[in-house]
Amino acid sequence: EKWKEKVEEEEEEGEESTPPCIYNEIEGLSLLLGYANEPVGCCGAVLHPKWGRKAYPITFFSTAPPSLIEQKVEETAREWAAESR
């Protein structure tokens, strides 16, 4: 929830200064990582190489240092683990 709020804040701020950019998730994962994809209705789905349709990989863009992203992911994983007990 904290990340969602921060993203929404950033989107509001960015709307004034940066034009929107469309990134095709399926094309990116297929071309850059070699993931298979298949048509689904009018769209498509990328297939994770190990888990197929059971997981949906995403692309995460950030200007933050990788170490900060890793730290926040680890913190979030610990919070989720604590909440599920």
PDB file of N, CA and C in Angstrom:
ATOM      1  N   GLU A   1       0.836  -1.194   0.000  1.00  0.00           N
ATOM      2  CA  GLU A   1       0.000   0.000   0.000  1.00  0.00           C
ATOM      3  C   GLU A   1       0.880   1.257   0.000  1.00  0.00           C
ATOM      4  N   LYS A   2       1.981   1.200   0.734  1.00  0.00           N
ATOM      5  CA  LYS A   2       2.873   2.359   0.788  1.00  0.00           C
ATOM      6  C   LYS A   2       3.451   2.650  -0.588  1.00  0.00           C
ATOM      7  N   TRP A   3       3.843   1.595  -1.325  1.00  0.00           N
ATOM      8  CA  TRP A   3       4.412   1.782  -2.648  1.00  0.00           C
ATOM      9  C   TRP A   3       3.364   2.358  -3.584  1.00  0.00           C
ATOM     10  N   LYS A   4       2.126   1.850  -3.477  1.00  0.00           N
ATOM     11  CA  LYS A   4       1.044   2.321  -4.336  1.00  0.00           C
ATOM     12  C   LYS A   4       0.835   3.816  -4.137  1.00  0.00           C
ATOM     13  N   GLU A   5       0.816   4.260  -2.891  1.00  0.00           N
ATOM     14  CA  GLU A   5       0.635   5.676  -2.613  1.00  0.00           C
ATOM     15  C   GLU A   5       1.774   6.490  -3.210  1.00  0.00           C
ATOM     16  N   LYS A   6       2.990   6.001  -3.087  1.00  0.00           N
ATOM     17  CA  LYS A   6       4.148   6.721  -3.617  1.00  0.00           C
ATOM     18  C   LYS A   6       4.079   6.785  -5.138  1.00  0.00           C
ATOM     19  N   VAL A   7       3.698   5.696  -5.778  1.00  0.00           N
ATOM     20  CA  VAL A   7       3.593   5.678  -7.235  1.00  0.00           C
ATOM     21  C   VAL A   7       2.547   6.680  -7.683  1.00  0.00           C
ATOM     22  N   GLU A   8       1.406   6.711  -7.006  1.00  0.00           N
ATOM     23  CA  GLU A   8       0.357   7.658  -7.367  1.00  0.00           C
ATOM     24  C   GLU A   8       0.842   9.098  -7.219  1.00  0.00           C
ATOM     25  N   GLU A   9       1.606   9.387  -6.162  1.00  0.00           N
ATOM     26  CA  GLU A   9       2.164  10.725  -5.981  1.00  0.00           C
ATOM     27  C   GLU A   9       3.090  11.076  -7.135  1.00  0.00           C
ATOM     28  N   GLU A  10       3.963  10.124  -7.507  1.00  0.00           N
ATOM     29  CA  GLU A  10       4.911  10.358  -8.580  1.00  0.00           C
ATOM     30  C   GLU A  10       4.196  10.555  -9.913  1.00  0.00           C
ATOM     31  N   GLU A  11       3.138   9.776 -10.155  1.00  0.00           N
ATOM     32  CA  GLU A  11       2.390   9.910 -11.398  1.00  0.00           C
ATOM     33  C   GLU A  11       1.761  11.286 -11.490  1.00  0.00           C
ATOM     34  N   GLU A  12       1.206  11.772 -10.391  1.00  0.00           N
ATOM     35  CA  GLU A  12       0.587  13.094 -10.397  1.00  0.00           C
ATOM     36  C   GLU A  12       1.617  14.168 -10.690  1.00  0.00           C
ATOM     37  N   GLU A  13       2.790  14.056 -10.089  1.00  0.00           N
ATOM     38  CA  GLU A  13       3.842  15.034 -10.320  1.00  0.00           C
ATOM     39  C   GLU A  13       4.372  14.938 -11.748  1.00  0.00           C
ATOM     40  N   GLY A  14       4.511  13.717 -12.247  1.00  0.00           N
ATOM     41  CA  GLY A  14       5.073  13.507 -13.574  1.00  0.00           C
ATOM     42  C   GLY A  14       4.159  13.910 -14.707  1.00  0.00           C
ATOM     43  N   GLU A  15       2.865  13.940 -14.468  1.00  0.00           N
ATOM     44  CA  GLU A  15       1.920  14.282 -15.519  1.00  0.00           C
ATOM     45  C   GLU A  15       2.182  15.669 -16.081  1.00  0.00           C
ATOM     46  N   GLU A  16       2.667  16.573 -15.245  1.00  0.00           N
ATOM     47  CA  GLU A  16       2.889  17.932 -15.688  1.00  0.00           C
ATOM     48  C   GLU A  16       4.161  18.075 -16.505  1.00  0.00           C
ATOM     49  N   SER A  17       5.160  17.240 -16.255  1.00  0.00           N
ATOM     50  CA  SER A  17       6.457  17.444 -16.879  1.00  0.00           C
ATOM     51  C   SER A  17       6.829  16.410 -17.934  1.00  0.00           C
ATOM     52  N   THR A  18       6.247  15.236 -17.897  1.00  0.00           N
ATOM     53  CA  THR A  18       6.658  14.164 -18.795  1.00  0.00           C
ATOM     54  C   THR A  18       5.467  13.638 -19.581  1.00  0.00           C
ATOM     55  N   PRO A  19       5.565  13.622 -20.905  1.00  0.00           N
ATOM     56  CA  PRO A  19       4.450  13.044 -21.667  1.00  0.00           C
ATOM     57  C   PRO A  19       4.381  11.536 -21.432  1.00  0.00           C
ATOM     58  N   PRO A  20       3.193  10.959 -21.526  1.00  0.00           N
ATOM     59  CA  PRO A  20       3.069   9.515 -21.296  1.00  0.00           C
ATOM     60  C   PRO A  20       3.824   8.719 -22.351  1.00  0.00           C
ATOM     61  N   CYS A  21       4.292   7.592 -21.952  1.00  0.00           N
ATOM     62  CA  CYS A  21       5.032   6.702 -22.842  1.00  0.00           C
ATOM     63  C   CYS A  21       4.440   5.313 -22.706  1.00  0.00           C
ATOM     64  N   ILE A  22       4.200   4.651 -23.805  1.00  0.00           N
ATOM     65  CA  ILE A  22       3.616   3.318 -23.766  1.00  0.00           C
ATOM     66  C   ILE A  22       4.710   2.281 -23.962  1.00  0.00           C
ATOM     67  N   TYR A  23       4.781   1.334 -23.048  1.00  0.00           N
ATOM     68  CA  TYR A  23       5.733   0.232 -23.138  1.00  0.00           C
ATOM     69  C   TYR A  23       4.942  -1.052 -23.305  1.00  0.00           C
ATOM     70  N   ASN A  24       5.246  -1.805 -24.343  1.00  0.00           N
ATOM     71  CA  ASN A  24       4.549  -3.062 -24.594  1.00  0.00           C
ATOM     72  C   ASN A  24       5.243  -4.168 -23.797  1.00  0.00           C
ATOM     73  N   GLU A  25       4.603  -4.554 -22.706  1.00  0.00           N
ATOM     74  CA  GLU A  25       5.163  -5.551 -21.786  1.00  0.00           C
ATOM     75  C   GLU A  25       5.449  -6.876 -22.495  1.00  0.00           C
ATOM     76  N   ILE A  26       4.512  -7.346 -23.283  1.00  0.00           N
ATOM     77  CA  ILE A  26       4.673  -8.642 -23.953  1.00  0.00           C
ATOM     78  C   ILE A  26       5.823  -8.589 -24.952  1.00  0.00           C
ATOM     79  N   GLU A  27       5.869  -7.539 -25.743  1.00  0.00           N
ATOM     80  CA  GLU A  27       6.944  -7.396 -26.718  1.00  0.00           C
ATOM     81  C   GLU A  27       8.302  -7.282 -26.036  1.00  0.00           C
ATOM     82  N   GLY A  28       8.363  -6.498 -24.971  1.00  0.00           N
ATOM     83  CA  GLY A  28       9.622  -6.320 -24.251  1.00  0.00           C
ATOM     84  C   GLY A  28      10.142  -7.618 -23.655  1.00  0.00           C
ATOM     85  N   LEU A  29       9.271  -8.340 -22.956  1.00  0.00           N
ATOM     86  CA  LEU A  29       9.707  -9.598 -22.338  1.00  0.00           C
ATOM     87  C   LEU A  29      10.036 -10.663 -23.383  1.00  0.00           C
ATOM     88  N   SER A  30       9.320 -10.644 -24.481  1.00  0.00           N
ATOM     89  CA  SER A  30       9.592 -11.625 -25.544  1.00  0.00           C
ATOM     90  C   SER A  30      10.912 -11.324 -26.239  1.00  0.00           C
ATOM     91  N   LEU A  31      11.105 -10.060 -26.618  1.00  0.00           N
ATOM     92  CA  LEU A  31      12.321  -9.700 -27.349  1.00  0.00           C
ATOM     93  C   LEU A  31      13.557  -9.655 -26.463  1.00  0.00           C
ATOM     94  N   LEU A  32      13.424  -9.040 -25.289  1.00  0.00           N
ATOM     95  CA  LEU A  32      14.604  -8.841 -24.441  1.00  0.00           C
ATOM     96  C   LEU A  32      15.011 -10.071 -23.642  1.00  0.00           C
ATOM     97  N   LEU A  33      14.017 -10.856 -23.205  1.00  0.00           N
ATOM     98  CA  LEU A  33      14.328 -12.021 -22.375  1.00  0.00           C
ATOM     99  C   LEU A  33      14.039 -13.349 -23.063  1.00  0.00           C
ATOM    100  N   GLY A  34      13.435 -13.299 -24.242  1.00  0.00           N
ATOM    101  CA  GLY A  34      13.147 -14.521 -24.978  1.00  0.00           C
ATOM    102  C   GLY A  34      11.977 -15.318 -24.434  1.00  0.00           C
ATOM    103  N   TYR A  35      11.091 -14.679 -23.652  1.00  0.00           N
ATOM    104  CA  TYR A  35       9.922 -15.380 -23.117  1.00  0.00           C
ATOM    105  C   TYR A  35       8.932 -15.686 -24.242  1.00  0.00           C
ATOM    106  N   ALA A  36       8.315 -16.832 -24.159  1.00  0.00           N
ATOM    107  CA  ALA A  36       7.273 -17.192 -25.120  1.00  0.00           C
ATOM    108  C   ALA A  36       6.026 -16.361 -24.827  1.00  0.00           C
ATOM    109  N   ASN A  37       5.197 -16.188 -25.844  1.00  0.00           N
ATOM    110  CA  ASN A  37       3.928 -15.498 -25.634  1.00  0.00           C
ATOM    111  C   ASN A  37       2.862 -16.162 -26.479  1.00  0.00           C
ATOM    112  N   GLU A  38       1.611 -15.910 -26.126  1.00  0.00           N
ATOM    113  CA  GLU A  38       0.504 -16.488 -26.873  1.00  0.00           C
ATOM    114  C   GLU A  38      -0.657 -15.500 -26.896  1.00  0.00           C
ATOM    115  N   PRO A  39      -1.443 -15.539 -27.955  1.00  0.00           N
ATOM    116  CA  PRO A  39      -2.600 -14.640 -28.019  1.00  0.00           C
ATOM    117  C   PRO A  39      -3.674 -15.051 -27.016  1.00  0.00           C
ATOM    118  N   VAL A  40      -4.292 -14.050 -26.408  1.00  0.00           N
ATOM    119  CA  VAL A  40      -5.400 -14.272 -25.480  1.00  0.00           C
ATOM    120  C   VAL A  40      -6.435 -13.208 -25.811  1.00  0.00           C
ATOM    121  N   GLY A  41      -7.491 -13.601 -26.485  1.00  0.00           N
ATOM    122  CA  GLY A  41      -8.502 -12.632 -26.897  1.00  0.00           C
ATOM    123  C   GLY A  41      -7.878 -11.575 -27.789  1.00  0.00           C
ATOM    124  N   CYS A  42      -8.148 -10.319 -27.474  1.00  0.00           N
ATOM    125  CA  CYS A  42      -7.600  -9.230 -28.285  1.00  0.00           C
ATOM    126  C   CYS A  42      -6.200  -8.836 -27.846  1.00  0.00           C
ATOM    127  N   CYS A  43      -5.713  -9.442 -26.784  1.00  0.00           N
ATOM    128  CA  CYS A  43      -4.396  -9.103 -26.250  1.00  0.00           C
ATOM    129  C   CYS A  43      -3.465 -10.311 -26.352  1.00  0.00           C
ATOM    130  N   GLY A  44      -2.580 -10.416 -25.441  1.00  0.00           N
ATOM    131  CA  GLY A  44      -1.674 -11.545 -25.408  1.00  0.00           C
ATOM    132  C   GLY A  44      -1.195 -11.782 -23.992  1.00  0.00           C
ATOM    133  N   ALA A  45      -0.494 -12.864 -23.815  1.00  0.00           N
ATOM    134  CA  ALA A  45       0.080 -13.188 -22.509  1.00  0.00           C
ATOM    135  C   ALA A  45       1.489 -13.699 -22.713  1.00  0.00           C
ATOM    136  N   VAL A  46       2.360 -13.262 -21.849  1.00  0.00           N
ATOM    137  CA  VAL A  46       3.724 -13.768 -21.874  1.00  0.00           C
ATOM    138  C   VAL A  46       3.783 -14.954 -20.916  1.00  0.00           C
ATOM    139  N   LEU A  47       4.571 -15.944 -21.260  1.00  0.00           N
ATOM    140  CA  LEU A  47       4.670 -17.151 -20.440  1.00  0.00           C
ATOM    141  C   LEU A  47       6.020 -17.182 -19.737  1.00  0.00           C
ATOM    142  N   HIS A  48       5.973 -17.265 -18.423  1.00  0.00           N
ATOM    143  CA  HIS A  48       7.213 -17.362 -17.650  1.00  0.00           C
ATOM    144  C   HIS A  48       7.900 -18.670 -18.028  1.00  0.00           C
ATOM    145  N   PRO A  49       9.224 -18.652 -18.222  1.00  0.00           N
ATOM    146  CA  PRO A  49       9.915 -19.873 -18.675  1.00  0.00           C
ATOM    147  C   PRO A  49       9.815 -21.054 -17.717  1.00  0.00           C
ATOM    148  N   LYS A  50       9.646 -20.797 -16.432  1.00  0.00           N
ATOM    149  CA  LYS A  50       9.556 -21.896 -15.468  1.00  0.00           C
ATOM    150  C   LYS A  50       8.112 -22.178 -15.056  1.00  0.00           C
ATOM    151  N   TRP A  51       7.317 -21.128 -14.829  1.00  0.00           N
ATOM    152  CA  TRP A  51       5.981 -21.296 -14.282  1.00  0.00           C
ATOM    153  C   TRP A  51       4.856 -21.069 -15.291  1.00  0.00           C
ATOM    154  N   GLY A  52       5.193 -20.786 -16.530  1.00  0.00           N
ATOM    155  CA  GLY A  52       4.177 -20.608 -17.561  1.00  0.00           C
ATOM    156  C   GLY A  52       3.163 -19.546 -17.194  1.00  0.00           C
ATOM    157  N   ARG A  53       1.879 -19.922 -17.205  1.00  0.00           N
ATOM    158  CA  ARG A  53       0.797 -18.974 -16.900  1.00  0.00           C
ATOM    159  C   ARG A  53       0.588 -18.763 -15.400  1.00  0.00           C
ATOM    160  N   LYS A  54       1.272 -19.526 -14.579  1.00  0.00           N
ATOM    161  CA  LYS A  54       1.071 -19.425 -13.122  1.00  0.00           C
ATOM    162  C   LYS A  54       1.739 -18.190 -12.520  1.00  0.00           C
ATOM    163  N   ALA A  55       2.554 -17.517 -13.285  1.00  0.00           N
ATOM    164  CA  ALA A  55       3.201 -16.283 -12.832  1.00  0.00           C
ATOM    165  C   ALA A  55       3.244 -15.325 -14.004  1.00  0.00           C
ATOM    166  N   TYR A  56       3.048 -14.057 -13.720  1.00  0.00           N
ATOM    167  CA  TYR A  56       3.122 -13.072 -14.795  1.00  0.00           C
ATOM    168  C   TYR A  56       4.286 -12.138 -14.522  1.00  0.00           C
ATOM    169  N   PRO A  57       5.346 -12.269 -15.301  1.00  0.00           N
ATOM    170  CA  PRO A  57       6.496 -11.387 -15.101  1.00  0.00           C
ATOM    171  C   PRO A  57       6.154  -9.972 -15.550  1.00  0.00           C
ATOM    172  N   ILE A  58       6.749  -8.995 -14.897  1.00  0.00           N
ATOM    173  CA  ILE A  58       6.537  -7.605 -15.275  1.00  0.00           C
ATOM    174  C   ILE A  58       7.883  -6.910 -15.434  1.00  0.00           C
ATOM    175  N   THR A  59       7.860  -5.760 -16.048  1.00  0.00           N
ATOM    176  CA  THR A  59       9.050  -4.939 -16.180  1.00  0.00           C
ATOM    177  C   THR A  59       8.914  -3.784 -15.200  1.00  0.00           C
ATOM    178  N   PHE A  60       9.945  -3.522 -14.456  1.00  0.00           N
ATOM    179  CA  PHE A  60       9.944  -2.466 -13.446  1.00  0.00           C
ATOM    180  C   PHE A  60      10.978  -1.426 -13.854  1.00  0.00           C
ATOM    181  N   PHE A  61      10.541  -0.212 -14.107  1.00  0.00           N
ATOM    182  CA  PHE A  61      11.447   0.871 -14.473  1.00  0.00           C
ATOM    183  C   PHE A  61      11.627   1.795 -13.281  1.00  0.00           C
ATOM    184  N   SER A  62      12.861   2.200 -13.030  1.00  0.00           N
ATOM    185  CA  SER A  62      13.117   3.102 -11.917  1.00  0.00           C
ATOM    186  C   SER A  62      14.438   3.830 -12.136  1.00  0.00           C
ATOM    187  N   THR A  63      14.527   4.991 -11.549  1.00  0.00           N
ATOM    188  CA  THR A  63      15.802   5.714 -11.538  1.00  0.00           C
ATOM    189  C   THR A  63      16.529   5.507 -10.210  1.00  0.00           C
ATOM    190  N   ALA A  64      15.920   4.741  -9.315  1.00  0.00           N
ATOM    191  CA  ALA A  64      16.541   4.479  -8.008  1.00  0.00           C
ATOM    192  C   ALA A  64      17.735   3.539  -8.176  1.00  0.00           C
ATOM    193  N   PRO A  65      18.695   3.638  -7.291  1.00  0.00           N
ATOM    194  CA  PRO A  65      19.830   2.712  -7.346  1.00  0.00           C
ATOM    195  C   PRO A  65      19.348   1.279  -7.086  1.00  0.00           C
ATOM    196  N   PRO A  66      19.926   0.304  -7.796  1.00  0.00           N
ATOM    197  CA  PRO A  66      19.515  -1.093  -7.595  1.00  0.00           C
ATOM    198  C   PRO A  66      19.554  -1.535  -6.131  1.00  0.00           C
ATOM    199  N   SER A  67      20.524  -1.065  -5.374  1.00  0.00           N
ATOM    200  CA  SER A  67      20.616  -1.470  -3.965  1.00  0.00           C
ATOM    201  C   SER A  67      19.401  -0.999  -3.174  1.00  0.00           C
ATOM    202  N   LEU A  68      18.875   0.177  -3.488  1.00  0.00           N
ATOM    203  CA  LEU A  68      17.685   0.679  -2.797  1.00  0.00           C
ATOM    204  C   LEU A  68      16.458  -0.155  -3.174  1.00  0.00           C
ATOM    205  N   ILE A  69      16.342  -0.511  -4.431  1.00  0.00           N
ATOM    206  CA  ILE A  69      15.215  -1.345  -4.874  1.00  0.00           C
ATOM    207  C   ILE A  69      15.271  -2.699  -4.173  1.00  0.00           C
ATOM    208  N   GLU A  70      16.460  -3.312  -4.144  1.00  0.00           N
ATOM    209  CA  GLU A  70      16.618  -4.599  -3.465  1.00  0.00           C
ATOM    210  C   GLU A  70      16.227  -4.486  -1.992  1.00  0.00           C
ATOM    211  N   GLN A  71      16.657  -3.412  -1.341  1.00  0.00           N
ATOM    212  CA  GLN A  71      16.338  -3.202   0.077  1.00  0.00           C
ATOM    213  C   GLN A  71      14.828  -3.112   0.267  1.00  0.00           C
ATOM    214  N   LYS A  72      14.149  -2.337  -0.570  1.00  0.00           N
ATOM    215  CA  LYS A  72      12.700  -2.159  -0.429  1.00  0.00           C
ATOM    216  C   LYS A  72      11.942  -3.448  -0.727  1.00  0.00           C
ATOM    217  N   VAL A  73      12.397  -4.217  -1.695  1.00  0.00           N
ATOM    218  CA  VAL A  73      11.760  -5.500  -1.998  1.00  0.00           C
ATOM    219  C   VAL A  73      11.906  -6.448  -0.811  1.00  0.00           C
ATOM    220  N   GLU A  74      13.101  -6.501  -0.238  1.00  0.00           N
ATOM    221  CA  GLU A  74      13.328  -7.360   0.936  1.00  0.00           C
ATOM    222  C   GLU A  74      12.473  -6.919   2.123  1.00  0.00           C
ATOM    223  N   GLU A  75      12.366  -5.608   2.354  1.00  0.00           N
ATOM    224  CA  GLU A  75      11.534  -5.099   3.450  1.00  0.00           C
ATOM    225  C   GLU A  75      10.070  -5.494   3.244  1.00  0.00           C
ATOM    226  N   THR A  76       9.600  -5.331   2.027  1.00  0.00           N
ATOM    227  CA  THR A  76       8.214  -5.670   1.716  1.00  0.00           C
ATOM    228  C   THR A  76       7.964  -7.161   1.897  1.00  0.00           C
ATOM    229  N   ALA A  77       8.904  -7.988   1.457  1.00  0.00           N
ATOM    230  CA  ALA A  77       8.760  -9.445   1.612  1.00  0.00           C
ATOM    231  C   ALA A  77       8.686  -9.816   3.092  1.00  0.00           C
ATOM    232  N   ARG A  78       9.506  -9.178   3.917  1.00  0.00           N
ATOM    233  CA  ARG A  78       9.461  -9.446   5.361  1.00  0.00           C
ATOM    234  C   ARG A  78       8.129  -9.005   5.958  1.00  0.00           C
ATOM    235  N   GLU A  79       7.624  -7.850   5.538  1.00  0.00           N
ATOM    236  CA  GLU A  79       6.322  -7.360   6.032  1.00  0.00           C
ATOM    237  C   GLU A  79       5.204  -8.338   5.652  1.00  0.00           C
ATOM    238  N   TRP A  80       5.206  -8.786   4.405  1.00  0.00           N
ATOM    239  CA  TRP A  80       4.169  -9.723   3.942  1.00  0.00           C
ATOM    240  C   TRP A  80       4.251 -11.040   4.710  1.00  0.00           C
ATOM    241  N   ALA A  81       5.477 -11.507   4.950  1.00  0.00           N
ATOM    242  CA  ALA A  81       5.655 -12.767   5.682  1.00  0.00           C
ATOM    243  C   ALA A  81       5.123 -12.616   7.110  1.00  0.00           C
ATOM    244  N   ALA A  82       5.392 -11.480   7.727  1.00  0.00           N
ATOM    245  CA  ALA A  82       4.933 -11.234   9.099  1.00  0.00           C
ATOM    246  C   ALA A  82       3.395 -11.152   9.138  1.00  0.00           C
ATOM    247  N   GLU A  83       2.798 -10.535   8.130  1.00  0.00           N
ATOM    248  CA  GLU A  83       1.340 -10.390   8.087  1.00  0.00           C
ATOM    249  C   GLU A  83       0.636 -11.726   7.851  1.00  0.00           C
ATOM    250  N   SER A  84       1.304 -12.643   7.160  1.00  0.00           N
ATOM    251  CA  SER A  84       0.653 -13.921   6.830  1.00  0.00           C
ATOM    252  C   SER A  84       0.727 -14.933   7.964  1.00  0.00           C
ATOM    253  N   ARG A  85       1.406 -14.600   9.037  1.00  0.00           N
ATOM    254  CA  ARG A  85       1.518 -15.527  10.169  1.00  0.00           C
ATOM    255  C   ARG A  85       0.283 -15.530  11.007  1.00  0.00           C
TER     256      ARG A  85
END
